[in-house]
Amino acid sequence: MTELALLLIAAYLIGSISFAIVISRLYGLPDPRGHGSGNPGATNVLRTGRKSAAAITLLGDALKGAVAVLLARWAAEAWGLPGYVPYLAALAVFLGHLFPVFFGFKGGKGVATALGVLLALNLWLGLACAATWLLMFAITRVSSLSALVAAGLAPLYGYWLVGGATESASLFVLSAIVLARHHGNIRRLLRGEENLFR
């Protein structure tokens, strides 16, 4: 369907806006891809010492995920598209963040965008994942481990709160991609070398 294709392309383009890079340029900060972990995300922006820049990056990355899903929900209702379309748009905006066409297809790990997506898809699903991240971070002080646990549980929360084959499959794919993007963190965690936030 032409409408569905246009919607998914729009979601991907929204996801391709890298707030870490845009905000860093506006603040006159180093390119987040060239220092620290090399990841264009809020955590790497925070390593520059500018908490406000990191907060705006985090908010922007989450909001773009939510906006794409809400736009897809509105369009699905207006154009008579299937109810699972917002879940496909969620994957599209997420992939846009990971592989942004505007920045050489080199994006972030997607945790903030995934959270925005989950909150827009189902408020309770997003809150469950956010609560999981906060609880794990309070216990371990390791951001990556907290994200991995929250991502791993997201499909289970989704199956319980949302149901639906396409919806559950979309959440499983999103979760699997988040885990795969954190392969370096997983190796460091296994070696006991992952950084703590104090």
N, C-alpha and C. Protein backbone atom coordinates (compact mmCIF):
# COMPACT_ATOMS: atom_id res chain seq x y z
N MET A 1 0.84 -1.20 0.00
CA MET A 1 0.00 0.00 0.00
C MET A 1 0.87 1.25 0.00
N THR A 2 0.50 2.20 -0.85
CA THR A 2 1.28 3.43 -0.96
C THR A 2 1.29 4.20 0.34
N GLU A 3 0.13 4.27 1.00
CA GLU A 3 0.05 5.02 2.26
C GLU A 3 0.98 4.43 3.31
N LEU A 4 1.00 3.11 3.40
CA LEU A 4 1.85 2.45 4.39
C LEU A 4 3.33 2.71 4.09
N ALA A 5 3.71 2.62 2.82
CA ALA A 5 5.10 2.86 2.43
C ALA A 5 5.52 4.28 2.78
N LEU A 6 4.66 5.26 2.47
CA LEU A 6 4.97 6.65 2.78
C LEU A 6 5.10 6.87 4.29
N LEU A 7 4.23 6.22 5.02
CA LEU A 7 4.26 6.35 6.48
C LEU A 7 5.54 5.78 7.07
N LEU A 8 5.97 4.64 6.57
CA LEU A 8 7.19 4.02 7.10
C LEU A 8 8.43 4.82 6.70
N ILE A 9 8.42 5.38 5.50
CA ILE A 9 9.54 6.23 5.07
C ILE A 9 9.62 7.47 5.95
N ALA A 10 8.45 8.06 6.23
CA ALA A 10 8.42 9.25 7.09
C ALA A 10 8.94 8.92 8.48
N ALA A 11 8.54 7.76 9.01
CA ALA A 11 9.02 7.35 10.34
C ALA A 11 10.53 7.16 10.33
N TYR A 12 11.04 6.54 9.27
CA TYR A 12 12.49 6.33 9.17
C TYR A 12 13.23 7.67 9.13
N LEU A 13 12.71 8.63 8.37
CA LEU A 13 13.37 9.93 8.26
C LEU A 13 13.33 10.69 9.59
N ILE A 14 12.22 10.57 10.32
CA ILE A 14 12.15 11.18 11.64
C ILE A 14 13.22 10.57 12.55
N GLY A 15 13.36 9.25 12.48
CA GLY A 15 14.37 8.57 13.28
C GLY A 15 15.78 8.96 12.91
N SER A 16 15.99 9.38 11.66
CA SER A 16 17.33 9.72 11.18
C SER A 16 17.85 11.04 11.70
N ILE A 17 16.99 11.79 12.41
CA ILE A 17 17.45 13.03 13.03
C ILE A 17 18.23 12.67 14.29
N SER A 18 19.53 12.83 14.26
CA SER A 18 20.38 12.47 15.41
C SER A 18 20.52 13.67 16.33
N PHE A 19 19.79 13.67 17.43
CA PHE A 19 19.83 14.80 18.34
C PHE A 19 21.19 14.95 19.01
N ALA A 20 21.90 13.85 19.21
CA ALA A 20 23.23 13.94 19.82
C ALA A 20 24.16 14.80 18.97
N ILE A 21 24.10 14.61 17.67
CA ILE A 21 24.95 15.37 16.76
C ILE A 21 24.46 16.81 16.62
N VAL A 22 23.15 16.96 16.44
CA VAL A 22 22.57 18.30 16.26
C VAL A 22 22.79 19.16 17.50
N ILE A 23 22.49 18.62 18.67
CA ILE A 23 22.63 19.39 19.91
C ILE A 23 24.10 19.69 20.20
N SER A 24 24.97 18.73 19.92
CA SER A 24 26.41 18.97 20.13
C SER A 24 26.90 20.12 19.27
N ARG A 25 26.43 20.18 18.03
CA ARG A 25 26.83 21.27 17.15
C ARG A 25 26.29 22.60 17.66
N LEU A 26 25.04 22.61 18.13
CA LEU A 26 24.44 23.85 18.64
C LEU A 26 25.16 24.34 19.89
N TYR A 27 25.64 23.42 20.71
CA TYR A 27 26.35 23.77 21.94
C TYR A 27 27.85 24.00 21.69
N GLY A 28 28.32 23.73 20.49
CA GLY A 28 29.75 23.86 20.22
C GLY A 28 30.57 22.77 20.88
N LEU A 29 29.98 21.61 21.07
CA LEU A 29 30.66 20.48 21.71
C LEU A 29 31.31 19.59 20.66
N PRO A 30 32.24 18.74 21.07
CA PRO A 30 32.85 17.80 20.11
C PRO A 30 31.80 16.87 19.53
N ASP A 31 32.04 16.42 18.32
CA ASP A 31 31.16 15.44 17.68
C ASP A 31 31.15 14.18 18.55
N PRO A 32 29.98 13.73 19.01
CA PRO A 32 29.92 12.57 19.90
C PRO A 32 30.45 11.29 19.27
N ARG A 33 30.56 11.28 17.95
CA ARG A 33 31.09 10.09 17.27
C ARG A 33 32.61 10.03 17.31
N GLY A 34 33.24 11.14 17.78
CA GLY A 34 34.69 11.19 17.73
C GLY A 34 35.37 11.11 19.08
N HIS A 35 34.62 10.84 20.14
CA HIS A 35 35.24 10.72 21.45
C HIS A 35 34.43 9.75 22.31
N GLY A 36 34.98 9.40 23.46
CA GLY A 36 34.29 8.46 24.34
C GLY A 36 34.06 7.14 23.65
N SER A 37 32.82 6.66 23.74
CA SER A 37 32.47 5.38 23.12
C SER A 37 32.27 5.51 21.61
N GLY A 38 32.20 6.76 21.11
CA GLY A 38 31.94 6.96 19.69
C GLY A 38 30.48 6.82 19.33
N ASN A 39 29.64 6.66 20.33
CA ASN A 39 28.22 6.46 20.10
C ASN A 39 27.48 7.81 20.15
N PRO A 40 26.75 8.17 19.09
CA PRO A 40 26.00 9.43 19.10
C PRO A 40 24.71 9.30 19.91
N GLY A 41 24.86 9.37 21.22
CA GLY A 41 23.71 9.26 22.11
C GLY A 41 23.88 10.15 23.31
N ALA A 42 22.85 10.17 24.17
CA ALA A 42 22.85 11.06 25.33
C ALA A 42 23.99 10.76 26.30
N THR A 43 24.32 9.49 26.47
CA THR A 43 25.38 9.13 27.42
C THR A 43 26.71 9.71 26.99
N ASN A 44 27.01 9.65 25.70
CA ASN A 44 28.27 10.18 25.21
C ASN A 44 28.28 11.71 25.26
N VAL A 45 27.14 12.33 25.03
CA VAL A 45 27.06 13.79 25.17
C VAL A 45 27.29 14.17 26.62
N LEU A 46 26.77 13.38 27.55
CA LEU A 46 26.96 13.65 28.97
C LEU A 46 28.44 13.63 29.35
N ARG A 47 29.22 12.82 28.66
CA ARG A 47 30.65 12.73 28.97
C ARG A 47 31.40 14.02 28.66
N THR A 48 30.77 14.94 27.92
CA THR A 48 31.40 16.23 27.67
C THR A 48 31.26 17.15 28.87
N GLY A 49 30.42 16.76 29.84
CA GLY A 49 30.21 17.59 31.02
C GLY A 49 29.03 18.52 30.91
N ARG A 50 28.35 18.55 29.77
CA ARG A 50 27.19 19.43 29.59
C ARG A 50 25.91 18.64 29.83
N LYS A 51 25.43 18.69 31.07
CA LYS A 51 24.25 17.90 31.43
C LYS A 51 23.01 18.37 30.67
N SER A 52 22.91 19.67 30.43
CA SER A 52 21.73 20.18 29.72
C SER A 52 21.70 19.66 28.29
N ALA A 53 22.86 19.60 27.65
CA ALA A 53 22.92 19.08 26.28
C ALA A 53 22.53 17.60 26.25
N ALA A 54 22.99 16.85 27.24
CA ALA A 54 22.65 15.43 27.32
C ALA A 54 21.16 15.24 27.56
N ALA A 55 20.58 16.09 28.43
CA ALA A 55 19.15 15.98 28.73
C ALA A 55 18.30 16.28 27.50
N ILE A 56 18.69 17.31 26.75
CA ILE A 56 17.95 17.65 25.53
C ILE A 56 18.08 16.53 24.50
N THR A 57 19.27 15.95 24.41
CA THR A 57 19.49 14.83 23.49
C THR A 57 18.59 13.66 23.86
N LEU A 58 18.57 13.33 25.13
CA LEU A 58 17.74 12.22 25.60
C LEU A 58 16.27 12.48 25.30
N LEU A 59 15.81 13.68 25.60
CA LEU A 59 14.41 14.04 25.36
C LEU A 59 14.09 14.01 23.87
N GLY A 60 14.98 14.58 23.06
CA GLY A 60 14.74 14.60 21.61
C GLY A 60 14.68 13.22 21.00
N ASP A 61 15.61 12.35 21.40
CA ASP A 61 15.62 10.99 20.85
C ASP A 61 14.37 10.21 21.27
N ALA A 62 13.90 10.44 22.51
CA ALA A 62 12.68 9.78 22.95
C ALA A 62 11.45 10.35 22.24
N LEU A 63 11.41 11.67 22.10
CA LEU A 63 10.25 12.31 21.48
C LEU A 63 10.09 11.91 20.01
N LYS A 64 11.21 11.77 19.29
CA LYS A 64 11.06 11.43 17.87
C LYS A 64 10.45 10.03 17.73
N GLY A 65 10.80 9.12 18.65
CA GLY A 65 10.19 7.80 18.61
C GLY A 65 8.70 7.88 18.88
N ALA A 66 8.33 8.67 19.88
CA ALA A 66 6.91 8.82 20.23
C ALA A 66 6.13 9.50 19.10
N VAL A 67 6.71 10.54 18.52
CA VAL A 67 6.03 11.28 17.45
C VAL A 67 5.76 10.37 16.26
N ALA A 68 6.73 9.57 15.87
CA ALA A 68 6.55 8.68 14.72
C ALA A 68 5.43 7.67 14.97
N VAL A 69 5.37 7.12 16.17
CA VAL A 69 4.32 6.15 16.50
C VAL A 69 2.95 6.82 16.55
N LEU A 70 2.86 7.98 17.18
CA LEU A 70 1.58 8.68 17.26
C LEU A 70 1.10 9.12 15.89
N LEU A 71 2.03 9.56 15.04
CA LEU A 71 1.68 9.91 13.66
C LEU A 71 1.13 8.69 12.92
N ALA A 72 1.78 7.55 13.11
CA ALA A 72 1.33 6.32 12.47
C ALA A 72 -0.05 5.90 12.97
N ARG A 73 -0.28 6.07 14.26
CA ARG A 73 -1.59 5.72 14.82
C ARG A 73 -2.69 6.59 14.22
N TRP A 74 -2.39 7.90 14.13
CA TRP A 74 -3.37 8.82 13.53
C TRP A 74 -3.63 8.45 12.07
N ALA A 75 -2.55 8.21 11.32
CA ALA A 75 -2.69 7.89 9.90
C ALA A 75 -3.43 6.57 9.69
N ALA A 76 -3.14 5.59 10.54
CA ALA A 76 -3.81 4.29 10.41
C ALA A 76 -5.32 4.44 10.57
N GLU A 77 -5.72 5.27 11.51
CA GLU A 77 -7.15 5.50 11.71
C GLU A 77 -7.75 6.31 10.56
N ALA A 78 -7.02 7.33 10.11
CA ALA A 78 -7.53 8.19 9.05
C ALA A 78 -7.60 7.49 7.71
N TRP A 79 -6.63 6.62 7.42
CA TRP A 79 -6.56 5.96 6.12
C TRP A 79 -7.10 4.53 6.13
N GLY A 80 -7.58 4.08 7.28
CA GLY A 80 -8.12 2.74 7.35
C GLY A 80 -7.08 1.64 7.26
N LEU A 81 -5.89 1.91 7.81
CA LEU A 81 -4.81 0.92 7.78
C LEU A 81 -4.94 -0.02 8.98
N PRO A 82 -4.30 -1.20 8.93
CA PRO A 82 -4.39 -2.15 10.04
C PRO A 82 -3.89 -1.58 11.36
N GLY A 83 -4.40 -2.10 12.46
CA GLY A 83 -4.06 -1.60 13.78
C GLY A 83 -2.62 -1.84 14.19
N TYR A 84 -1.93 -2.76 13.48
CA TYR A 84 -0.54 -3.02 13.85
C TYR A 84 0.44 -2.06 13.18
N VAL A 85 -0.06 -1.16 12.35
CA VAL A 85 0.82 -0.23 11.61
C VAL A 85 1.72 0.59 12.55
N PRO A 86 1.22 1.09 13.70
CA PRO A 86 2.11 1.83 14.59
C PRO A 86 3.32 1.01 15.04
N TYR A 87 3.18 -0.31 15.13
CA TYR A 87 4.31 -1.15 15.52
C TYR A 87 5.34 -1.24 14.40
N LEU A 88 4.87 -1.23 13.16
CA LEU A 88 5.80 -1.21 12.04
C LEU A 88 6.51 0.14 11.98
N ALA A 89 5.76 1.20 12.24
CA ALA A 89 6.38 2.54 12.26
C ALA A 89 7.39 2.64 13.40
N ALA A 90 7.12 1.95 14.51
CA ALA A 90 8.05 1.93 15.63
C ALA A 90 9.39 1.35 15.20
N LEU A 91 9.34 0.26 14.45
CA LEU A 91 10.58 -0.34 13.94
C LEU A 91 11.27 0.58 12.95
N ALA A 92 10.48 1.27 12.12
CA ALA A 92 11.05 2.15 11.10
C ALA A 92 11.78 3.33 11.73
N VAL A 93 11.16 3.98 12.72
CA VAL A 93 11.82 5.12 13.37
C VAL A 93 13.04 4.65 14.15
N PHE A 94 12.95 3.48 14.74
CA PHE A 94 14.08 2.92 15.48
C PHE A 94 15.25 2.64 14.55
N LEU A 95 14.97 2.05 13.39
CA LEU A 95 16.03 1.78 12.42
C LEU A 95 16.61 3.08 11.88
N GLY A 96 15.77 4.11 11.76
CA GLY A 96 16.27 5.41 11.34
C GLY A 96 17.27 5.97 12.33
N HIS A 97 17.00 5.77 13.62
CA HIS A 97 17.95 6.23 14.64
C HIS A 97 19.26 5.45 14.57
N LEU A 98 19.16 4.15 14.35
CA LEU A 98 20.37 3.32 14.31
C LEU A 98 21.18 3.55 13.04
N PHE A 99 20.48 3.77 11.93
CA PHE A 99 21.14 3.93 10.62
C PHE A 99 20.61 5.18 9.93
N PRO A 100 20.96 6.36 10.45
CA PRO A 100 20.40 7.62 9.94
C PRO A 100 20.94 7.98 8.56
N VAL A 101 20.04 8.21 7.64
CA VAL A 101 20.43 8.56 6.28
C VAL A 101 21.15 9.90 6.24
N PHE A 102 20.86 10.78 7.20
CA PHE A 102 21.47 12.11 7.22
C PHE A 102 22.88 12.12 7.76
N PHE A 103 23.30 11.04 8.40
CA PHE A 103 24.61 11.02 9.06
C PHE A 103 25.39 9.75 8.73
N GLY A 104 25.37 9.39 7.46
CA GLY A 104 26.20 8.28 6.99
C GLY A 104 25.81 6.92 7.54
N PHE A 105 24.54 6.78 7.95
CA PHE A 105 24.01 5.50 8.45
C PHE A 105 24.74 5.02 9.72
N LYS A 106 25.34 5.96 10.47
CA LYS A 106 26.03 5.60 11.70
C LYS A 106 25.33 6.29 12.87
N GLY A 107 24.45 5.53 13.54
CA GLY A 107 23.64 6.11 14.60
C GLY A 107 23.94 5.55 15.97
N GLY A 108 23.04 5.85 16.90
CA GLY A 108 23.21 5.44 18.28
C GLY A 108 22.71 4.03 18.55
N LYS A 109 22.63 3.72 19.83
CA LYS A 109 22.21 2.38 20.23
C LYS A 109 20.70 2.27 20.42
N GLY A 110 20.03 3.40 20.49
CA GLY A 110 18.58 3.38 20.39
C GLY A 110 17.78 3.25 21.68
N VAL A 111 18.42 3.36 22.84
CA VAL A 111 17.68 3.13 24.09
C VAL A 111 16.62 4.21 24.31
N ALA A 112 16.99 5.48 24.15
CA ALA A 112 16.03 6.57 24.37
C ALA A 112 14.91 6.52 23.35
N THR A 113 15.25 6.27 22.09
CA THR A 113 14.23 6.18 21.05
C THR A 113 13.30 5.00 21.30
N ALA A 114 13.86 3.89 21.74
CA ALA A 114 13.04 2.72 22.06
C ALA A 114 12.07 3.05 23.19
N LEU A 115 12.54 3.79 24.18
CA LEU A 115 11.66 4.16 25.28
C LEU A 115 10.51 5.04 24.79
N GLY A 116 10.82 6.01 23.95
CA GLY A 116 9.77 6.87 23.39
C GLY A 116 8.76 6.07 22.59
N VAL A 117 9.25 5.13 21.82
CA VAL A 117 8.40 4.25 21.03
C VAL A 117 7.47 3.44 21.93
N LEU A 118 8.03 2.85 22.98
CA LEU A 118 7.24 1.99 23.87
C LEU A 118 6.18 2.79 24.62
N LEU A 119 6.54 3.99 25.08
CA LEU A 119 5.58 4.83 25.77
C LEU A 119 4.42 5.20 24.87
N ALA A 120 4.70 5.46 23.59
CA ALA A 120 3.64 5.84 22.66
C ALA A 120 2.79 4.64 22.25
N LEU A 121 3.41 3.47 22.14
CA LEU A 121 2.66 2.28 21.77
C LEU A 121 1.69 1.88 22.86
N ASN A 122 2.18 1.88 24.08
CA ASN A 122 1.35 1.53 25.23
C ASN A 122 2.01 2.15 26.46
N LEU A 123 1.30 3.04 27.12
CA LEU A 123 1.88 3.78 28.24
C LEU A 123 2.40 2.84 29.32
N TRP A 124 1.64 1.81 29.66
CA TRP A 124 2.04 0.90 30.72
C TRP A 124 3.26 0.08 30.33
N LEU A 125 3.33 -0.26 29.05
CA LEU A 125 4.51 -0.98 28.55
C LEU A 125 5.75 -0.12 28.70
N GLY A 126 5.66 1.14 28.28
CA GLY A 126 6.80 2.04 28.40
C GLY A 126 7.19 2.29 29.84
N LEU A 127 6.19 2.46 30.71
CA LEU A 127 6.49 2.70 32.12
C LEU A 127 7.12 1.47 32.77
N ALA A 128 6.68 0.28 32.37
CA ALA A 128 7.27 -0.95 32.92
C ALA A 128 8.74 -1.05 32.55
N CYS A 129 9.07 -0.73 31.31
CA CYS A 129 10.47 -0.78 30.87
C CYS A 129 11.29 0.31 31.55
N ALA A 130 10.72 1.51 31.68
CA ALA A 130 11.43 2.59 32.35
C ALA A 130 11.68 2.25 33.82
N ALA A 131 10.68 1.67 34.47
CA ALA A 131 10.84 1.28 35.87
C ALA A 131 11.91 0.21 36.03
N THR A 132 11.96 -0.71 35.06
CA THR A 132 12.98 -1.76 35.09
C THR A 132 14.37 -1.15 34.98
N TRP A 133 14.52 -0.21 34.04
CA TRP A 133 15.82 0.46 33.86
C TRP A 133 16.22 1.18 35.15
N LEU A 134 15.29 1.94 35.73
CA LEU A 134 15.60 2.70 36.94
C LEU A 134 15.97 1.79 38.10
N LEU A 135 15.25 0.69 38.25
CA LEU A 135 15.54 -0.24 39.34
C LEU A 135 16.91 -0.86 39.17
N MET A 136 17.21 -1.31 37.95
CA MET A 136 18.51 -1.93 37.70
C MET A 136 19.64 -0.92 37.88
N PHE A 137 19.41 0.31 37.43
CA PHE A 137 20.46 1.33 37.55
C PHE A 137 20.70 1.68 39.01
N ALA A 138 19.62 1.73 39.80
CA ALA A 138 19.77 2.03 41.22
C ALA A 138 20.58 0.94 41.92
N ILE A 139 20.45 -0.29 41.46
CA ILE A 139 21.15 -1.41 42.08
C ILE A 139 22.59 -1.51 41.59
N THR A 140 22.79 -1.36 40.26
CA THR A 140 24.10 -1.66 39.67
C THR A 140 24.93 -0.43 39.32
N ARG A 141 24.26 0.72 39.07
CA ARG A 141 24.92 1.94 38.59
C ARG A 141 25.57 1.73 37.22
N VAL A 142 25.09 0.75 36.47
CA VAL A 142 25.62 0.47 35.13
C VAL A 142 24.50 0.72 34.12
N SER A 143 24.64 1.77 33.33
CA SER A 143 23.59 2.17 32.38
C SER A 143 23.33 1.08 31.34
N SER A 144 24.40 0.52 30.79
CA SER A 144 24.23 -0.47 29.72
C SER A 144 23.52 -1.73 30.22
N LEU A 145 23.88 -2.20 31.40
CA LEU A 145 23.24 -3.39 31.96
C LEU A 145 21.76 -3.11 32.21
N SER A 146 21.45 -1.92 32.70
CA SER A 146 20.06 -1.55 32.94
C SER A 146 19.26 -1.57 31.64
N ALA A 147 19.87 -1.05 30.57
CA ALA A 147 19.21 -1.03 29.26
C ALA A 147 19.01 -2.45 28.73
N LEU A 148 20.01 -3.29 28.92
CA LEU A 148 19.92 -4.66 28.42
C LEU A 148 18.80 -5.43 29.12
N VAL A 149 18.69 -5.27 30.43
CA VAL A 149 17.64 -5.97 31.17
C VAL A 149 16.26 -5.45 30.75
N ALA A 150 16.12 -4.13 30.65
CA ALA A 150 14.83 -3.55 30.24
C ALA A 150 14.44 -3.99 28.84
N ALA A 151 15.42 -4.00 27.93
CA ALA A 151 15.14 -4.43 26.56
C ALA A 151 14.77 -5.91 26.50
N GLY A 152 15.47 -6.71 27.29
CA GLY A 152 15.19 -8.14 27.30
C GLY A 152 13.79 -8.46 27.81
N LEU A 153 13.30 -7.66 28.75
CA LEU A 153 11.97 -7.90 29.32
C LEU A 153 10.85 -7.25 28.51
N ALA A 154 11.18 -6.32 27.62
CA ALA A 154 10.15 -5.60 26.87
C ALA A 154 9.18 -6.52 26.12
N PRO A 155 9.67 -7.55 25.39
CA PRO A 155 8.71 -8.42 24.70
C PRO A 155 7.78 -9.16 25.66
N LEU A 156 8.29 -9.53 26.84
CA LEU A 156 7.45 -10.21 27.83
C LEU A 156 6.37 -9.26 28.36
N TYR A 157 6.79 -8.03 28.67
CA TYR A 157 5.81 -7.03 29.10
C TYR A 157 4.77 -6.81 27.99
N GLY A 158 5.25 -6.72 26.74
CA GLY A 158 4.35 -6.48 25.62
C GLY A 158 3.35 -7.61 25.41
N TYR A 159 3.83 -8.83 25.53
CA TYR A 159 2.94 -9.99 25.37
C TYR A 159 1.84 -9.97 26.44
N TRP A 160 2.22 -9.58 27.64
CA TRP A 160 1.27 -9.54 28.74
C TRP A 160 0.30 -8.36 28.61
N LEU A 161 0.82 -7.17 28.24
CA LEU A 161 0.01 -5.96 28.24
C LEU A 161 -0.71 -5.70 26.93
N VAL A 162 -0.12 -6.16 25.81
CA VAL A 162 -0.65 -5.82 24.50
C VAL A 162 -1.19 -7.05 23.77
N GLY A 163 -0.37 -8.10 23.68
CA GLY A 163 -0.76 -9.29 22.93
C GLY A 163 -0.71 -9.03 21.43
N GLY A 164 -1.15 -9.98 20.65
CA GLY A 164 -1.14 -9.82 19.19
C GLY A 164 0.15 -10.33 18.59
N ALA A 165 0.05 -11.14 17.55
CA ALA A 165 1.23 -11.76 16.95
C ALA A 165 2.18 -10.73 16.35
N THR A 166 1.64 -9.83 15.52
CA THR A 166 2.49 -8.83 14.86
C THR A 166 3.09 -7.88 15.88
N GLU A 167 2.28 -7.48 16.86
CA GLU A 167 2.76 -6.56 17.89
C GLU A 167 3.89 -7.21 18.70
N SER A 168 3.69 -8.46 19.11
CA SER A 168 4.71 -9.15 19.90
C SER A 168 5.98 -9.37 19.09
N ALA A 169 5.81 -9.73 17.82
CA ALA A 169 6.97 -9.95 16.96
C ALA A 169 7.76 -8.67 16.77
N SER A 170 7.07 -7.54 16.61
CA SER A 170 7.74 -6.25 16.44
C SER A 170 8.55 -5.90 17.68
N LEU A 171 7.97 -6.14 18.85
CA LEU A 171 8.69 -5.85 20.10
C LEU A 171 9.88 -6.77 20.27
N PHE A 172 9.74 -8.02 19.85
CA PHE A 172 10.86 -8.97 19.93
C PHE A 172 12.01 -8.52 19.04
N VAL A 173 11.68 -8.08 17.82
CA VAL A 173 12.71 -7.61 16.89
C VAL A 173 13.40 -6.36 17.45
N LEU A 174 12.60 -5.42 17.96
CA LEU A 174 13.18 -4.20 18.54
C LEU A 174 14.12 -4.54 19.69
N SER A 175 13.68 -5.44 20.55
CA SER A 175 14.50 -5.86 21.69
C SER A 175 15.78 -6.52 21.23
N ALA A 176 15.67 -7.40 20.25
CA ALA A 176 16.84 -8.12 19.75
C ALA A 176 17.86 -7.16 19.15
N ILE A 177 17.39 -6.12 18.47
CA ILE A 177 18.30 -5.15 17.88
C ILE A 177 19.02 -4.36 18.96
N VAL A 178 18.28 -3.95 20.01
CA VAL A 178 18.92 -3.24 21.12
C VAL A 178 20.02 -4.09 21.74
N LEU A 179 19.73 -5.36 21.96
CA LEU A 179 20.73 -6.26 22.55
C LEU A 179 21.94 -6.40 21.62
N ALA A 180 21.68 -6.52 20.33
CA ALA A 180 22.77 -6.68 19.37
C ALA A 180 23.63 -5.43 19.30
N ARG A 181 23.00 -4.25 19.41
CA ARG A 181 23.76 -2.99 19.35
C ARG A 181 24.64 -2.80 20.58
N HIS A 182 24.35 -3.54 21.63
CA HIS A 182 25.14 -3.43 22.86
C HIS A 182 26.17 -4.57 22.99
N HIS A 183 26.56 -5.15 21.86
CA HIS A 183 27.48 -6.30 21.92
C HIS A 183 28.79 -5.95 22.60
N GLY A 184 29.28 -4.74 22.35
CA GLY A 184 30.52 -4.31 22.99
C GLY A 184 30.35 -4.18 24.50
N ASN A 185 29.21 -3.63 24.91
CA ASN A 185 28.93 -3.50 26.34
C ASN A 185 28.82 -4.88 27.00
N ILE A 186 28.20 -5.81 26.29
CA ILE A 186 28.04 -7.16 26.84
C ILE A 186 29.41 -7.79 27.07
N ARG A 187 30.32 -7.62 26.11
CA ARG A 187 31.67 -8.17 26.29
C ARG A 187 32.37 -7.54 27.48
N ARG A 188 32.23 -6.21 27.63
CA ARG A 188 32.87 -5.54 28.76
C ARG A 188 32.23 -5.95 30.09
N LEU A 189 30.93 -6.17 30.09
CA LEU A 189 30.25 -6.63 31.30
C LEU A 189 30.77 -8.01 31.70
N LEU A 190 30.94 -8.88 30.73
CA LEU A 190 31.43 -10.23 31.04
C LEU A 190 32.86 -10.20 31.57
N ARG A 191 33.63 -9.18 31.13
CA ARG A 191 35.02 -9.05 31.61
C ARG A 191 35.10 -8.21 32.88
N GLY A 192 33.96 -7.65 33.30
CA GLY A 192 33.95 -6.79 34.48
C GLY A 192 34.59 -5.45 34.24
N GLU A 193 34.55 -4.96 32.99
CA GLU A 193 35.23 -3.71 32.64
C GLU A 193 34.28 -2.57 32.29
N GLU A 194 32.99 -2.79 32.42
CA GLU A 194 32.04 -1.75 32.04
C GLU A 194 32.07 -0.61 33.06
N ASN A 195 31.93 0.63 32.55
CA ASN A 195 32.01 1.82 33.40
C ASN A 195 30.78 1.97 34.28
N LEU A 196 31.00 2.47 35.49
CA LEU A 196 29.91 2.79 36.41
C LEU A 196 29.67 4.29 36.40
N PHE A 197 28.43 4.69 36.72
CA PHE A 197 28.13 6.11 36.94
C PHE A 197 28.07 6.34 38.44
N ARG A 198 28.88 7.28 38.92
CA ARG A 198 28.93 7.55 40.36
C ARG A 198 28.47 8.98 40.65
